Amino acid sequence: MSADLDLSDPSPLTEEPSSITERDADLLFRQARTVRSFTDQPVTQAELQAAWDLAKWGPTAMNTGPLRVLVVATPAARERLAAHMNDGNKQRVLDAPVSLVLAADPRFHTTLPVLAPHASERAAELESAPQVRAAMARTNALLQSGYLIVALRAVGLGVGPMSGMDAAGIDADLLAEDGWSSLMVLNVGHVAGDGDAFPRAARLDWAQATRTL
């Protein structure tokens, strides 16, 4: 006999079942904000790696894992990155303890024998299909970007995601040797006060954002 959830009955949804604590739910989602103000406390390589070691387990198609990260840590590197950001984002990059350029690797298929041995034969097929690779890389790297934002919060860091930038300029200046394609920039650090966050805006609730067939 099927044990499927009865979606005609709203009660299972209003009970908010969860396997994480209320504190964790607040930390990762309910109280987490887009941060624009950070303390002077440095962000360590260990903190960034701890976040990656969580985010890397999130699912992607065939376990391709095409997300790549450029860590922009030095003042000189931040100046280079800031030059490619929209005017409203330039100073935010200059002031952040560290910025992460999140990018998609269109040559992700070369790692398939390691990451997806069950589909290793696809590597040869994808070698001759650059447009397919580019689309797969972008879709799955964007998925991973969401995982990474939550993982950075989980290790105690504040995150300020930004997409207002000259992506082509970043690719040519900072990512050319890797062949990666930039997706967004995350300013990362320890939150100062309220993080200079905008007032909390509304979100769509379940009934507004879903349709059940």
C-alpha atoms as a PDB file:
ATOM      1  CA  MET A   1       0.000   0.000   0.000  1.00  0.00           C
ATOM      2  CA  SER A   2       1.327   3.427  -0.916  1.00  0.00           C
ATOM      3  CA  ALA A   3       2.567   5.641   1.896  1.00  0.00           C
ATOM      4  CA  ASP A   4       2.559   8.801  -0.252  1.00  0.00           C
ATOM      5  CA  LEU A   5       1.888  12.123   1.459  1.00  0.00           C
ATOM      6  CA  ASP A   6      -1.724  13.249   1.137  1.00  0.00           C
ATOM      7  CA  LEU A   7      -1.248  16.664  -0.465  1.00  0.00           C
ATOM      8  CA  SER A   8      -4.960  17.436  -0.142  1.00  0.00           C
ATOM      9  CA  ASP A   9      -4.440  17.640   3.626  1.00  0.00           C
ATOM     10  CA  PRO A  10      -2.426  20.729   4.633  1.00  0.00           C
ATOM     11  CA  SER A  11      -1.724  19.535   8.157  1.00  0.00           C
ATOM     12  CA  PRO A  12       1.599  17.765   7.426  1.00  0.00           C
ATOM     13  CA  LEU A  13       2.879  21.006   5.881  1.00  0.00           C
ATOM     14  CA  THR A  14       1.803  23.310   8.710  1.00  0.00           C
ATOM     15  CA  GLU A  15       3.570  21.171  11.292  1.00  0.00           C
ATOM     16  CA  GLU A  16       6.939  22.205   9.745  1.00  0.00           C
ATOM     17  CA  PRO A  17       8.674  18.839  10.065  1.00  0.00           C
ATOM     18  CA  SER A  18      12.437  19.250  10.222  1.00  0.00           C
ATOM     19  CA  SER A  19      15.481  17.205  11.114  1.00  0.00           C
ATOM     20  CA  ILE A  20      17.575  20.283  11.965  1.00  0.00           C
ATOM     21  CA  THR A  21      17.309  22.435  15.075  1.00  0.00           C
ATOM     22  CA  GLU A  22      15.512  25.759  15.201  1.00  0.00           C
ATOM     23  CA  ARG A  23      18.893  27.426  15.763  1.00  0.00           C
ATOM     24  CA  ASP A  24      20.292  25.835  12.625  1.00  0.00           C
ATOM     25  CA  ALA A  25      17.230  26.814  10.605  1.00  0.00           C
ATOM     26  CA  ASP A  26      17.677  30.415  11.744  1.00  0.00           C
ATOM     27  CA  LEU A  27      21.421  30.384  11.022  1.00  0.00           C
ATOM     28  CA  LEU A  28      21.103  28.965   7.529  1.00  0.00           C
ATOM     29  CA  PHE A  29      17.817  30.457   6.352  1.00  0.00           C
ATOM     30  CA  ARG A  30      15.394  32.409   8.521  1.00  0.00           C
ATOM     31  CA  GLN A  31      17.804  34.894  10.121  1.00  0.00           C
ATOM     32  CA  ALA A  32      20.559  34.785   7.494  1.00  0.00           C
ATOM     33  CA  ARG A  33      20.871  37.944   5.415  1.00  0.00           C
ATOM     34  CA  THR A  34      22.820  39.313   2.484  1.00  0.00           C
ATOM     35  CA  VAL A  35      25.759  40.927   4.277  1.00  0.00           C
ATOM     36  CA  ARG A  36      27.371  44.213   3.255  1.00  0.00           C
ATOM     37  CA  SER A  37      29.402  45.059   6.376  1.00  0.00           C
ATOM     38  CA  PHE A  38      32.154  42.905   7.865  1.00  0.00           C
ATOM     39  CA  THR A  39      34.519  43.085  10.824  1.00  0.00           C
ATOM     40  CA  ASP A  40      38.302  43.262  10.452  1.00  0.00           C
ATOM     41  CA  GLN A  41      38.633  39.635  11.526  1.00  0.00           C
ATOM     42  CA  PRO A  42      40.433  37.732   8.753  1.00  0.00           C
ATOM     43  CA  VAL A  43      38.757  34.902   6.902  1.00  0.00           C
ATOM     44  CA  THR A  44      40.984  31.849   7.100  1.00  0.00           C
ATOM     45  CA  GLN A  45      41.704  29.245   4.465  1.00  0.00           C
ATOM     46  CA  ALA A  46      40.463  26.668   6.954  1.00  0.00           C
ATOM     47  CA  GLU A  47      37.046  28.370   7.177  1.00  0.00           C
ATOM     48  CA  LEU A  48      36.681  28.506   3.404  1.00  0.00           C
ATOM     49  CA  GLN A  49      37.766  24.898   3.031  1.00  0.00           C
ATOM     50  CA  ALA A  50      35.323  23.822   5.751  1.00  0.00           C
ATOM     51  CA  ALA A  51      32.488  25.426   3.786  1.00  0.00           C
ATOM     52  CA  TRP A  52      33.633  23.767   0.566  1.00  0.00           C
ATOM     53  CA  ASP A  53      33.844  20.406   2.291  1.00  0.00           C
ATOM     54  CA  LEU A  54      30.144  20.738   3.110  1.00  0.00           C
ATOM     55  CA  ALA A  55      28.973  22.190  -0.202  1.00  0.00           C
ATOM     56  CA  LYS A  56      30.794  19.651  -2.356  1.00  0.00           C
ATOM     57  CA  TRP A  57      28.367  16.918  -1.283  1.00  0.00           C
ATOM     58  CA  GLY A  58      25.352  18.630  -2.847  1.00  0.00           C
ATOM     59  CA  PRO A  59      23.984  16.740  -5.871  1.00  0.00           C
ATOM     60  CA  THR A  60      24.750  17.707  -9.461  1.00  0.00           C
ATOM     61  CA  ALA A  61      23.929  15.982 -12.739  1.00  0.00           C
ATOM     62  CA  MET A  62      26.068  12.825 -12.974  1.00  0.00           C
ATOM     63  CA  ASN A  63      28.083  14.215 -10.042  1.00  0.00           C
ATOM     64  CA  THR A  64      29.821  16.556 -12.496  1.00  0.00           C
ATOM     65  CA  GLY A  65      30.624  19.204  -9.872  1.00  0.00           C
ATOM     66  CA  PRO A  66      31.604  21.976 -12.328  1.00  0.00           C
ATOM     67  CA  LEU A  67      31.763  24.830  -9.789  1.00  0.00           C
ATOM     68  CA  ARG A  68      35.185  26.454  -9.460  1.00  0.00           C
ATOM     69  CA  VAL A  69      36.182  29.186  -7.005  1.00  0.00           C
ATOM     70  CA  LEU A  70      38.757  31.951  -7.344  1.00  0.00           C
ATOM     71  CA  VAL A  71      39.656  33.261  -3.883  1.00  0.00           C
ATOM     72  CA  VAL A  72      40.415  36.979  -4.135  1.00  0.00           C
ATOM     73  CA  ALA A  73      42.241  37.777  -0.924  1.00  0.00           C
ATOM     74  CA  THR A  74      45.022  40.346  -1.440  1.00  0.00           C
ATOM     75  CA  PRO A  75      44.430  44.111  -1.808  1.00  0.00           C
ATOM     76  CA  ALA A  76      45.960  44.057  -5.294  1.00  0.00           C
ATOM     77  CA  ALA A  77      43.681  41.217  -6.385  1.00  0.00           C
ATOM     78  CA  ARG A  78      40.632  42.985  -4.949  1.00  0.00           C
ATOM     79  CA  GLU A  79      41.542  46.091  -6.961  1.00  0.00           C
ATOM     80  CA  ARG A  80      41.623  43.998 -10.141  1.00  0.00           C
ATOM     81  CA  LEU A  81      38.279  42.403  -9.363  1.00  0.00           C
ATOM     82  CA  ALA A  82      36.652  45.686  -8.319  1.00  0.00           C
ATOM     83  CA  ALA A  83      37.546  47.189 -11.706  1.00  0.00           C
ATOM     84  CA  HIS A  84      35.100  44.741 -13.305  1.00  0.00           C
ATOM     85  CA  MET A  85      32.239  45.256 -10.858  1.00  0.00           C
ATOM     86  CA  ASN A  86      29.288  47.584 -11.377  1.00  0.00           C
ATOM     87  CA  ASP A  87      29.731  50.946  -9.673  1.00  0.00           C
ATOM     88  CA  GLY A  88      27.532  50.031  -6.726  1.00  0.00           C
ATOM     89  CA  ASN A  89      29.588  46.905  -6.037  1.00  0.00           C
ATOM     90  CA  LYS A  90      33.144  48.212  -6.460  1.00  0.00           C
ATOM     91  CA  GLN A  91      33.610  49.505  -2.913  1.00  0.00           C
ATOM     92  CA  ARG A  92      31.969  46.400  -1.467  1.00  0.00           C
ATOM     93  CA  VAL A  93      34.684  44.262  -3.032  1.00  0.00           C
ATOM     94  CA  LEU A  94      37.418  46.625  -1.843  1.00  0.00           C
ATOM     95  CA  ASP A  95      36.066  46.581   1.727  1.00  0.00           C
ATOM     96  CA  ALA A  96      35.393  42.830   2.028  1.00  0.00           C
ATOM     97  CA  PRO A  97      37.930  40.622   3.828  1.00  0.00           C
ATOM     98  CA  VAL A  98      37.788  38.203   0.911  1.00  0.00           C
ATOM     99  CA  SER A  99      35.786  37.831  -2.281  1.00  0.00           C
ATOM    100  CA  LEU A 100      35.038  34.592  -4.071  1.00  0.00           C
ATOM    101  CA  VAL A 101      34.524  34.525  -7.808  1.00  0.00           C
ATOM    102  CA  LEU A 102      32.224  31.576  -8.468  1.00  0.00           C
ATOM    103  CA  ALA A 103      32.694  30.135 -11.931  1.00  0.00           C
ATOM    104  CA  ALA A 104      31.711  27.221 -14.131  1.00  0.00           C
ATOM    105  CA  ASP A 105      34.355  24.974 -15.652  1.00  0.00           C
ATOM    106  CA  PRO A 106      33.301  23.972 -19.193  1.00  0.00           C
ATOM    107  CA  ARG A 107      35.934  21.225 -19.136  1.00  0.00           C
ATOM    108  CA  PHE A 108      34.367  19.500 -16.162  1.00  0.00           C
ATOM    109  CA  HIS A 109      34.030  16.369 -18.278  1.00  0.00           C
ATOM    110  CA  THR A 110      37.729  15.593 -17.836  1.00  0.00           C
ATOM    111  CA  THR A 111      37.016  14.710 -14.192  1.00  0.00           C
ATOM    112  CA  LEU A 112      34.167  12.304 -14.974  1.00  0.00           C
ATOM    113  CA  PRO A 113      36.328   9.164 -14.673  1.00  0.00           C
ATOM    114  CA  VAL A 114      36.971  10.146 -11.046  1.00  0.00           C
ATOM    115  CA  LEU A 115      33.695  11.820 -10.065  1.00  0.00           C
ATOM    116  CA  ALA A 116      31.344   9.676 -12.132  1.00  0.00           C
ATOM    117  CA  PRO A 117      32.990   6.349 -12.996  1.00  0.00           C
ATOM    118  CA  HIS A 118      29.508   5.005 -13.772  1.00  0.00           C
ATOM    119  CA  ALA A 119      29.325   7.534 -16.633  1.00  0.00           C
ATOM    120  CA  SER A 120      32.982   7.860 -17.577  1.00  0.00           C
ATOM    121  CA  GLU A 121      32.216   7.045 -21.213  1.00  0.00           C
ATOM    122  CA  ARG A 122      30.377  10.384 -21.456  1.00  0.00           C
ATOM    123  CA  ALA A 123      33.698  12.221 -21.245  1.00  0.00           C
ATOM    124  CA  ALA A 124      34.550  11.353 -24.852  1.00  0.00           C
ATOM    125  CA  GLU A 125      31.075  12.325 -26.033  1.00  0.00           C
ATOM    126  CA  LEU A 126      31.199  15.679 -24.270  1.00  0.00           C
ATOM    127  CA  GLU A 127      34.672  16.486 -25.599  1.00  0.00           C
ATOM    128  CA  SER A 128      33.127  17.076 -29.022  1.00  0.00           C
ATOM    129  CA  ALA A 129      30.075  18.951 -27.691  1.00  0.00           C
ATOM    130  CA  PRO A 130      31.296  22.276 -26.246  1.00  0.00           C
ATOM    131  CA  GLN A 131      27.859  23.922 -26.279  1.00  0.00           C
ATOM    132  CA  VAL A 132      26.336  21.052 -24.334  1.00  0.00           C
ATOM    133  CA  ARG A 133      29.214  21.191 -21.863  1.00  0.00           C
ATOM    134  CA  ALA A 134      28.853  24.937 -21.378  1.00  0.00           C
ATOM    135  CA  ALA A 135      25.133  24.626 -20.643  1.00  0.00           C
ATOM    136  CA  MET A 136      25.657  21.712 -18.240  1.00  0.00           C
ATOM    137  CA  ALA A 137      28.495  23.531 -16.502  1.00  0.00           C
ATOM    138  CA  ARG A 138      26.475  26.697 -15.967  1.00  0.00           C
ATOM    139  CA  THR A 139      23.325  24.973 -14.717  1.00  0.00           C
ATOM    140  CA  ASN A 140      25.116  22.718 -12.260  1.00  0.00           C
ATOM    141  CA  ALA A 141      27.605  25.341 -11.072  1.00  0.00           C
ATOM    142  CA  LEU A 142      24.713  27.690 -10.274  1.00  0.00           C
ATOM    143  CA  LEU A 143      23.148  24.860  -8.286  1.00  0.00           C
ATOM    144  CA  GLN A 144      26.408  24.406  -6.399  1.00  0.00           C
ATOM    145  CA  SER A 145      26.640  28.149  -5.779  1.00  0.00           C
ATOM    146  CA  GLY A 146      23.496  27.929  -3.685  1.00  0.00           C
ATOM    147  CA  TYR A 147      24.969  25.069  -1.693  1.00  0.00           C
ATOM    148  CA  LEU A 148      28.146  27.069  -1.077  1.00  0.00           C
ATOM    149  CA  ILE A 149      26.292  30.145   0.170  1.00  0.00           C
ATOM    150  CA  VAL A 150      24.460  28.030   2.747  1.00  0.00           C
ATOM    151  CA  ALA A 151      27.675  26.201   3.670  1.00  0.00           C
ATOM    152  CA  LEU A 152      29.518  29.483   4.274  1.00  0.00           C
ATOM    153  CA  ARG A 153      26.736  30.493   6.637  1.00  0.00           C
ATOM    154  CA  ALA A 154      26.982  27.107   8.335  1.00  0.00           C
ATOM    155  CA  VAL A 155      30.638  27.691   9.269  1.00  0.00           C
ATOM    156  CA  GLY A 156      29.831  31.094  10.759  1.00  0.00           C
ATOM    157  CA  LEU A 157      30.574  33.452   7.872  1.00  0.00           C
ATOM    158  CA  GLY A 158      28.430  36.198   6.381  1.00  0.00           C
ATOM    159  CA  VAL A 159      27.908  36.277   2.628  1.00  0.00           C
ATOM    160  CA  GLY A 160      27.101  39.073   0.204  1.00  0.00           C
ATOM    161  CA  PRO A 161      26.316  37.612  -3.242  1.00  0.00           C
ATOM    162  CA  MET A 162      26.589  39.942  -6.253  1.00  0.00           C
ATOM    163  CA  SER A 163      25.998  39.485  -9.967  1.00  0.00           C
ATOM    164  CA  GLY A 164      26.379  43.113 -11.023  1.00  0.00           C
ATOM    165  CA  MET A 165      29.659  42.786 -12.896  1.00  0.00           C
ATOM    166  CA  ASP A 166      31.371  42.580 -16.254  1.00  0.00           C
ATOM    167  CA  ALA A 167      31.595  38.797 -16.451  1.00  0.00           C
ATOM    168  CA  ALA A 168      33.520  38.827 -19.725  1.00  0.00           C
ATOM    169  CA  GLY A 169      36.049  41.225 -18.215  1.00  0.00           C
ATOM    170  CA  ILE A 170      36.529  39.016 -15.169  1.00  0.00           C
ATOM    171  CA  ASP A 171      36.939  35.965 -17.380  1.00  0.00           C
ATOM    172  CA  ALA A 172      39.578  37.655 -19.539  1.00  0.00           C
ATOM    173  CA  ASP A 173      41.499  39.267 -16.673  1.00  0.00           C
ATOM    174  CA  LEU A 174      41.288  36.743 -13.847  1.00  0.00           C
ATOM    175  CA  LEU A 175      40.120  33.403 -15.247  1.00  0.00           C
ATOM    176  CA  ALA A 176      41.692  33.151 -18.701  1.00  0.00           C
ATOM    177  CA  GLU A 177      44.380  30.667 -17.686  1.00  0.00           C
ATOM    178  CA  ASP A 178      41.730  28.325 -16.274  1.00  0.00           C
ATOM    179  CA  GLY A 179      39.099  28.708 -18.996  1.00  0.00           C
ATOM    180  CA  TRP A 180      36.402  29.168 -16.368  1.00  0.00           C
ATOM    181  CA  SER A 181      33.265  31.295 -16.870  1.00  0.00           C
ATOM    182  CA  SER A 182      32.321  33.587 -13.987  1.00  0.00           C
ATOM    183  CA  LEU A 183      28.802  33.424 -12.541  1.00  0.00           C
ATOM    184  CA  MET A 184      28.776  35.684  -9.482  1.00  0.00           C
ATOM    185  CA  VAL A 185      30.936  37.161  -6.756  1.00  0.00           C
ATOM    186  CA  LEU A 186      30.507  36.465  -3.044  1.00  0.00           C
ATOM    187  CA  ASN A 187      31.903  38.889  -0.494  1.00  0.00           C
ATOM    188  CA  VAL A 188      32.676  36.834   2.595  1.00  0.00           C
ATOM    189  CA  GLY A 189      33.637  37.685   6.161  1.00  0.00           C
ATOM    190  CA  HIS A 190      32.573  37.852   9.785  1.00  0.00           C
ATOM    191  CA  VAL A 191      29.437  39.948  10.155  1.00  0.00           C
ATOM    192  CA  ALA A 192      29.710  43.404  11.722  1.00  0.00           C
ATOM    193  CA  GLY A 193      26.599  44.260  13.736  1.00  0.00           C
ATOM    194  CA  ASP A 194      23.538  43.663  11.581  1.00  0.00           C
ATOM    195  CA  GLY A 195      25.724  43.351   8.486  1.00  0.00           C
ATOM    196  CA  ASP A 196      24.276  46.586   7.038  1.00  0.00           C
ATOM    197  CA  ALA A 197      21.455  44.433   5.705  1.00  0.00           C
ATOM    198  CA  PHE A 198      18.357  45.869   4.100  1.00  0.00           C
ATOM    199  CA  PRO A 199      15.111  45.426   6.073  1.00  0.00           C
ATOM    200  CA  ARG A 200      13.815  41.894   5.758  1.00  0.00           C
ATOM    201  CA  ALA A 201      11.503  41.663   2.763  1.00  0.00           C
ATOM    202  CA  ALA A 202       8.574  39.296   2.379  1.00  0.00           C
ATOM    203  CA  ARG A 203       8.814  35.865   0.777  1.00  0.00           C
ATOM    204  CA  LEU A 204       6.185  33.923  -1.124  1.00  0.00           C
ATOM    205  CA  ASP A 205       4.574  31.229   0.979  1.00  0.00           C
ATOM    206  CA  TRP A 206       3.972  27.641  -0.098  1.00  0.00           C
ATOM    207  CA  ALA A 207       0.507  28.290  -1.480  1.00  0.00           C
ATOM    208  CA  GLN A 208       1.699  31.244  -3.570  1.00  0.00           C
ATOM    209  CA  ALA A 209       4.741  29.527  -5.058  1.00  0.00           C
ATOM    210  CA  THR A 210       3.515  26.026  -5.834  1.00  0.00           C
ATOM    211  CA  ARG A 211       1.004  24.127  -7.899  1.00  0.00           C
ATOM    212  CA  THR A 212       0.227  20.459  -7.376  1.00  0.00           C
ATOM    213  CA  LEU A 213      -0.799  18.128 -10.203  1.00  0.00           C
END
